[in-house]
Amino acid sequence: MINGRHDRVVPLSNAEFLDARLPNSRLVAVDSGHFIWEEAPDQYAATIVEAITSKD
C-alpha cells in the first residue's frame, strides 16, 4: 500500500490498520497528501517499480 502521510481523504491510520491485518502487506508512507502520484511522482513510481520487481 502507498499512503500519503498528510492524506485527509484516507488517513494514514486507515492504511496502518489494514497493513497490520493483511498478510504479506507492505505499507509505504509518502510525504504527501491524497494525490501521491501528482504530489510525489518520483517516490510513487519508485515504490511501484520496487514492488513489481522485488523477489519477496
N, C-alpha and C. Protein backbone atom coordinates (compact mmCIF):
# COMPACT_ATOMS: atom_id res chain seq x y z
N MET A 1 0.84 -1.17 0.00
CA MET A 1 0.00 0.00 0.00
C MET A 1 0.88 1.23 0.00
N ILE A 2 0.42 2.25 -0.67
CA ILE A 2 1.09 3.54 -0.64
C ILE A 2 0.08 4.53 -0.10
N ASN A 3 0.46 5.28 0.91
CA ASN A 3 -0.46 6.23 1.51
C ASN A 3 0.29 7.51 1.84
N GLY A 4 -0.36 8.63 1.64
CA GLY A 4 0.23 9.91 2.00
C GLY A 4 0.16 10.16 3.49
N ARG A 5 1.24 10.66 4.04
CA ARG A 5 1.24 10.98 5.48
C ARG A 5 0.26 12.09 5.83
N HIS A 6 -0.03 12.96 4.85
CA HIS A 6 -0.89 14.12 5.10
C HIS A 6 -2.23 13.99 4.37
N ASP A 7 -2.61 12.76 4.05
CA ASP A 7 -3.86 12.49 3.33
C ASP A 7 -5.04 12.75 4.26
N ARG A 8 -5.90 13.70 3.87
CA ARG A 8 -7.08 14.00 4.68
C ARG A 8 -8.30 13.23 4.19
N VAL A 9 -8.19 12.57 3.03
CA VAL A 9 -9.29 11.77 2.50
C VAL A 9 -9.25 10.36 3.08
N VAL A 10 -8.08 9.73 2.99
CA VAL A 10 -7.86 8.40 3.57
C VAL A 10 -6.67 8.52 4.51
N PRO A 11 -6.91 8.71 5.79
CA PRO A 11 -5.82 8.94 6.74
C PRO A 11 -4.84 7.77 6.79
N LEU A 12 -3.61 8.08 7.12
CA LEU A 12 -2.57 7.07 7.24
C LEU A 12 -2.98 5.98 8.23
N SER A 13 -3.73 6.35 9.25
CA SER A 13 -4.17 5.36 10.24
C SER A 13 -5.01 4.25 9.59
N ASN A 14 -5.76 4.56 8.54
CA ASN A 14 -6.52 3.52 7.83
C ASN A 14 -5.58 2.52 7.18
N ALA A 15 -4.54 3.02 6.52
CA ALA A 15 -3.57 2.13 5.87
C ALA A 15 -2.81 1.32 6.91
N GLU A 16 -2.47 1.94 8.02
CA GLU A 16 -1.78 1.21 9.09
C GLU A 16 -2.66 0.09 9.65
N PHE A 17 -3.95 0.36 9.78
CA PHE A 17 -4.90 -0.65 10.25
C PHE A 17 -4.91 -1.85 9.30
N LEU A 18 -5.02 -1.58 8.00
CA LEU A 18 -5.03 -2.66 7.01
C LEU A 18 -3.70 -3.39 6.97
N ASP A 19 -2.62 -2.64 7.00
CA ASP A 19 -1.28 -3.24 6.94
C ASP A 19 -1.06 -4.23 8.08
N ALA A 20 -1.57 -3.90 9.24
CA ALA A 20 -1.41 -4.77 10.41
C ALA A 20 -2.22 -6.05 10.29
N ARG A 21 -3.23 -6.04 9.44
CA ARG A 21 -4.14 -7.18 9.36
C ARG A 21 -4.04 -8.00 8.07
N LEU A 22 -3.41 -7.46 7.06
CA LEU A 22 -3.29 -8.17 5.78
C LEU A 22 -1.96 -8.90 5.71
N PRO A 23 -1.99 -10.19 5.53
CA PRO A 23 -0.73 -10.94 5.45
C PRO A 23 0.09 -10.50 4.23
N ASN A 24 1.38 -10.43 4.42
CA ASN A 24 2.32 -10.08 3.35
C ASN A 24 2.14 -8.68 2.79
N SER A 25 1.46 -7.82 3.52
CA SER A 25 1.31 -6.45 3.03
C SER A 25 2.56 -5.64 3.37
N ARG A 26 2.70 -4.55 2.66
CA ARG A 26 3.80 -3.63 2.92
C ARG A 26 3.26 -2.23 2.74
N LEU A 27 3.46 -1.40 3.72
CA LEU A 27 2.97 -0.03 3.68
C LEU A 27 4.14 0.92 3.47
N VAL A 28 3.98 1.79 2.49
CA VAL A 28 4.95 2.85 2.25
C VAL A 28 4.20 4.16 2.48
N ALA A 29 4.66 4.94 3.45
CA ALA A 29 4.06 6.24 3.75
C ALA A 29 4.90 7.32 3.07
N VAL A 30 4.25 8.09 2.23
CA VAL A 30 4.92 9.11 1.43
C VAL A 30 4.57 10.48 2.00
N ASP A 31 5.52 11.39 1.95
CA ASP A 31 5.31 12.75 2.47
C ASP A 31 4.47 13.54 1.47
N SER A 32 3.17 13.24 1.44
CA SER A 32 2.25 13.91 0.52
C SER A 32 0.84 13.80 1.07
N GLY A 33 -0.09 14.30 0.28
CA GLY A 33 -1.49 14.19 0.61
C GLY A 33 -2.12 13.02 -0.11
N HIS A 34 -3.36 13.19 -0.56
CA HIS A 34 -4.12 12.10 -1.18
C HIS A 34 -3.63 11.75 -2.59
N PHE A 35 -3.21 12.74 -3.35
CA PHE A 35 -2.83 12.51 -4.75
C PHE A 35 -1.32 12.30 -4.85
N ILE A 36 -0.87 11.18 -4.34
CA ILE A 36 0.56 10.88 -4.24
C ILE A 36 1.22 10.93 -5.60
N TRP A 37 0.59 10.36 -6.62
CA TRP A 37 1.17 10.30 -7.96
C TRP A 37 1.39 11.69 -8.56
N GLU A 38 0.67 12.71 -8.07
CA GLU A 38 0.88 14.08 -8.53
C GLU A 38 1.82 14.85 -7.61
N GLU A 39 1.73 14.60 -6.32
CA GLU A 39 2.50 15.36 -5.34
C GLU A 39 3.91 14.83 -5.13
N ALA A 40 4.10 13.53 -5.32
CA ALA A 40 5.42 12.91 -5.14
C ALA A 40 5.61 11.83 -6.22
N PRO A 41 5.58 12.23 -7.50
CA PRO A 41 5.60 11.23 -8.57
C PRO A 41 6.84 10.35 -8.60
N ASP A 42 7.99 10.89 -8.28
CA ASP A 42 9.21 10.07 -8.31
C ASP A 42 9.18 8.97 -7.25
N GLN A 43 8.77 9.33 -6.04
CA GLN A 43 8.69 8.34 -4.97
C GLN A 43 7.58 7.32 -5.25
N TYR A 44 6.48 7.79 -5.80
CA TYR A 44 5.38 6.90 -6.15
C TYR A 44 5.84 5.88 -7.19
N ALA A 45 6.47 6.36 -8.25
CA ALA A 45 6.94 5.46 -9.32
C ALA A 45 7.98 4.48 -8.80
N ALA A 46 8.92 4.96 -8.00
CA ALA A 46 9.96 4.08 -7.45
C ALA A 46 9.36 2.99 -6.57
N THR A 47 8.34 3.33 -5.82
CA THR A 47 7.68 2.34 -4.96
C THR A 47 6.98 1.28 -5.79
N ILE A 48 6.31 1.70 -6.86
CA ILE A 48 5.63 0.75 -7.75
C ILE A 48 6.64 -0.17 -8.42
N VAL A 49 7.71 0.41 -8.96
CA VAL A 49 8.73 -0.39 -9.64
C VAL A 49 9.35 -1.40 -8.68
N GLU A 50 9.66 -0.95 -7.48
CA GLU A 50 10.24 -1.86 -6.48
C GLU A 50 9.28 -3.00 -6.15
N ALA A 51 8.00 -2.70 -6.03
CA ALA A 51 7.01 -3.72 -5.68
C ALA A 51 6.87 -4.78 -6.77
N ILE A 52 6.92 -4.36 -8.03
CA ILE A 52 6.70 -5.34 -9.10
C ILE A 52 7.98 -6.05 -9.52
N THR A 53 9.12 -5.54 -9.10
CA THR A 53 10.38 -6.20 -9.47
C THR A 53 11.04 -6.93 -8.31
N SER A 54 10.53 -6.75 -7.10
CA SER A 54 11.15 -7.41 -5.94
C SER A 54 10.85 -8.90 -5.98
N LYS A 55 11.71 -9.64 -5.36
CA LYS A 55 11.55 -11.09 -5.33
C LYS A 55 10.96 -11.57 -4.00
N ASP A 56 10.39 -10.66 -3.23
CA ASP A 56 9.77 -11.02 -1.93
C ASP A 56 8.41 -11.62 -2.13
